[in-house]
Amino acid sequence: KETYLLFWKPPFLLPSLHFGRRGAGVARLQELLKETGLYAEAVDGIFGGKTWKAILAFQASMGLPKTGFPDPATLFLLCHSEERNAVS
């Protein structure tokens, strides 16, 4: 099996994400999820159950471990999903 390393920095921060967390990073996360069609709610910048479920759905669609939280792999694929859709 081959191993590849990728150095990448997310374009927004999500420090200590937990239910009820508010902020611009959560709003950006919701916007990205909305672009995938997995989040149909208003972007309110609050990490709650609907955001969590949208992340779970995205992770499942990408074959990632389903945690409901945006780990580095989830964020990377979410941030690059628009590029993939443009190529497909």
C-alpha atoms as a PDB file:
ATOM      1  CA  LYS A   1       0.000   0.000   0.000  1.00  0.00           C
ATOM      2  CA  GLU A   2       1.327   3.427  -0.920  1.00  0.00           C
ATOM      3  CA  THR A   3       1.343   6.338   1.496  1.00  0.00           C
ATOM      4  CA  TYR A   4       0.916   9.960   0.460  1.00  0.00           C
ATOM      5  CA  LEU A   5       1.372  13.054   2.570  1.00  0.00           C
ATOM      6  CA  LEU A   6      -0.608  16.207   2.020  1.00  0.00           C
ATOM      7  CA  PHE A   7      -0.019  19.507   3.724  1.00  0.00           C
ATOM      8  CA  TRP A   8      -3.165  21.586   3.848  1.00  0.00           C
ATOM      9  CA  LYS A   9      -4.580  24.252   6.111  1.00  0.00           C
ATOM     10  CA  PRO A  10      -8.359  24.749   6.369  1.00  0.00           C
ATOM     11  CA  PRO A  11      -9.497  28.202   5.206  1.00  0.00           C
ATOM     12  CA  PHE A  12     -11.418  28.698   8.469  1.00  0.00           C
ATOM     13  CA  LEU A  13     -11.024  27.696  12.121  1.00  0.00           C
ATOM     14  CA  LEU A  14     -13.257  25.462  14.214  1.00  0.00           C
ATOM     15  CA  PRO A  15     -11.665  25.524  17.668  1.00  0.00           C
ATOM     16  CA  SER A  16     -13.097  23.081  20.230  1.00  0.00           C
ATOM     17  CA  LEU A  17     -16.279  22.356  18.309  1.00  0.00           C
ATOM     18  CA  HIS A  18     -19.217  21.217  20.436  1.00  0.00           C
ATOM     19  CA  PHE A  19     -23.012  21.393  20.335  1.00  0.00           C
ATOM     20  CA  GLY A  20     -24.143  24.974  20.771  1.00  0.00           C
ATOM     21  CA  ARG A  21     -20.853  26.413  19.504  1.00  0.00           C
ATOM     22  CA  ARG A  22     -21.374  29.644  17.570  1.00  0.00           C
ATOM     23  CA  GLY A  23     -19.191  31.532  15.173  1.00  0.00           C
ATOM     24  CA  ALA A  24     -18.059  32.365  11.670  1.00  0.00           C
ATOM     25  CA  GLY A  25     -16.307  28.996  11.310  1.00  0.00           C
ATOM     26  CA  VAL A  26     -19.550  27.137  11.984  1.00  0.00           C
ATOM     27  CA  ALA A  27     -21.366  29.401   9.512  1.00  0.00           C
ATOM     28  CA  ARG A  28     -18.752  28.627   6.829  1.00  0.00           C
ATOM     29  CA  LEU A  29     -19.098  24.912   7.585  1.00  0.00           C
ATOM     30  CA  GLN A  30     -22.875  25.191   7.133  1.00  0.00           C
ATOM     31  CA  GLU A  31     -22.395  27.069   3.844  1.00  0.00           C
ATOM     32  CA  LEU A  32     -20.160  24.300   2.511  1.00  0.00           C
ATOM     33  CA  LEU A  33     -22.639  21.643   3.611  1.00  0.00           C
ATOM     34  CA  LYS A  34     -25.435  23.634   1.963  1.00  0.00           C
ATOM     35  CA  GLU A  35     -23.460  23.660  -1.317  1.00  0.00           C
ATOM     36  CA  THR A  36     -23.369  19.845  -1.229  1.00  0.00           C
ATOM     37  CA  GLY A  37     -27.160  19.737  -0.854  1.00  0.00           C
ATOM     38  CA  LEU A  38     -26.931  17.953   2.498  1.00  0.00           C
ATOM     39  CA  TYR A  39     -27.871  20.947   4.665  1.00  0.00           C
ATOM     40  CA  ALA A  40     -31.174  22.619   3.806  1.00  0.00           C
ATOM     41  CA  GLU A  41     -31.480  24.844   6.872  1.00  0.00           C
ATOM     42  CA  ALA A  42     -30.678  28.539   7.266  1.00  0.00           C
ATOM     43  CA  VAL A  43     -27.020  29.302   7.892  1.00  0.00           C
ATOM     44  CA  ASP A  44     -27.091  30.506  11.498  1.00  0.00           C
ATOM     45  CA  GLY A  45     -23.532  29.808  12.682  1.00  0.00           C
ATOM     46  CA  ILE A  46     -24.715  27.498  15.486  1.00  0.00           C
ATOM     47  CA  PHE A  47     -23.469  23.899  15.632  1.00  0.00           C
ATOM     48  CA  GLY A  48     -26.546  21.815  16.396  1.00  0.00           C
ATOM     49  CA  GLY A  49     -28.230  18.559  15.493  1.00  0.00           C
ATOM     50  CA  LYS A  50     -29.012  19.464  11.890  1.00  0.00           C
ATOM     51  CA  THR A  51     -25.420  20.502  11.200  1.00  0.00           C
ATOM     52  CA  TRP A  52     -24.207  17.308  12.881  1.00  0.00           C
ATOM     53  CA  LYS A  53     -26.562  15.165  10.759  1.00  0.00           C
ATOM     54  CA  ALA A  54     -25.419  16.910   7.573  1.00  0.00           C
ATOM     55  CA  ILE A  55     -21.793  16.175   8.457  1.00  0.00           C
ATOM     56  CA  LEU A  56     -22.704  12.515   9.110  1.00  0.00           C
ATOM     57  CA  ALA A  57     -24.380  12.325   5.696  1.00  0.00           C
ATOM     58  CA  PHE A  58     -21.371  13.924   3.999  1.00  0.00           C
ATOM     59  CA  GLN A  59     -18.957  11.574   5.753  1.00  0.00           C
ATOM     60  CA  ALA A  60     -21.066   8.569   4.707  1.00  0.00           C
ATOM     61  CA  SER A  61     -21.168   9.783   1.093  1.00  0.00           C
ATOM     62  CA  MET A  62     -17.374  10.090   1.057  1.00  0.00           C
ATOM     63  CA  GLY A  63     -16.663   6.766   2.754  1.00  0.00           C
ATOM     64  CA  LEU A  64     -15.227   8.477   5.834  1.00  0.00           C
ATOM     65  CA  PRO A  65     -15.686   7.357   9.446  1.00  0.00           C
ATOM     66  CA  LYS A  66     -19.063   8.742  10.567  1.00  0.00           C
ATOM     67  CA  THR A  67     -18.438  10.940  13.604  1.00  0.00           C
ATOM     68  CA  GLY A  68     -20.628  13.950  12.849  1.00  0.00           C
ATOM     69  CA  PHE A  69     -17.698  16.244  13.548  1.00  0.00           C
ATOM     70  CA  PRO A  70     -15.518  17.893  10.891  1.00  0.00           C
ATOM     71  CA  ASP A  71     -12.178  16.127  11.323  1.00  0.00           C
ATOM     72  CA  PRO A  72      -9.312  17.117   8.984  1.00  0.00           C
ATOM     73  CA  ALA A  73     -10.251  14.581   6.266  1.00  0.00           C
ATOM     74  CA  THR A  74     -13.886  15.699   6.335  1.00  0.00           C
ATOM     75  CA  LEU A  75     -12.939  19.376   6.109  1.00  0.00           C
ATOM     76  CA  PHE A  76     -10.498  18.723   3.283  1.00  0.00           C
ATOM     77  CA  LEU A  77     -13.065  16.864   1.181  1.00  0.00           C
ATOM     78  CA  LEU A  78     -15.802  19.345   2.042  1.00  0.00           C
ATOM     79  CA  CYS A  79     -13.643  22.308   1.029  1.00  0.00           C
ATOM     80  CA  HIS A  80     -12.721  20.579  -2.231  1.00  0.00           C
ATOM     81  CA  SER A  81     -16.132  19.134  -3.088  1.00  0.00           C
ATOM     82  CA  GLU A  82     -16.923  22.122  -5.315  1.00  0.00           C
ATOM     83  CA  GLU A  83     -13.766  21.465  -7.365  1.00  0.00           C
ATOM     84  CA  ARG A  84     -14.700  17.773  -7.729  1.00  0.00           C
ATOM     85  CA  ASN A  85     -18.224  18.673  -8.855  1.00  0.00           C
ATOM     86  CA  ALA A  86     -16.846  21.056 -11.485  1.00  0.00           C
ATOM     87  CA  VAL A  87     -14.650  18.282 -12.935  1.00  0.00           C
ATOM     88  CA  SER A  88     -17.329  15.545 -12.898  1.00  0.00           C
END
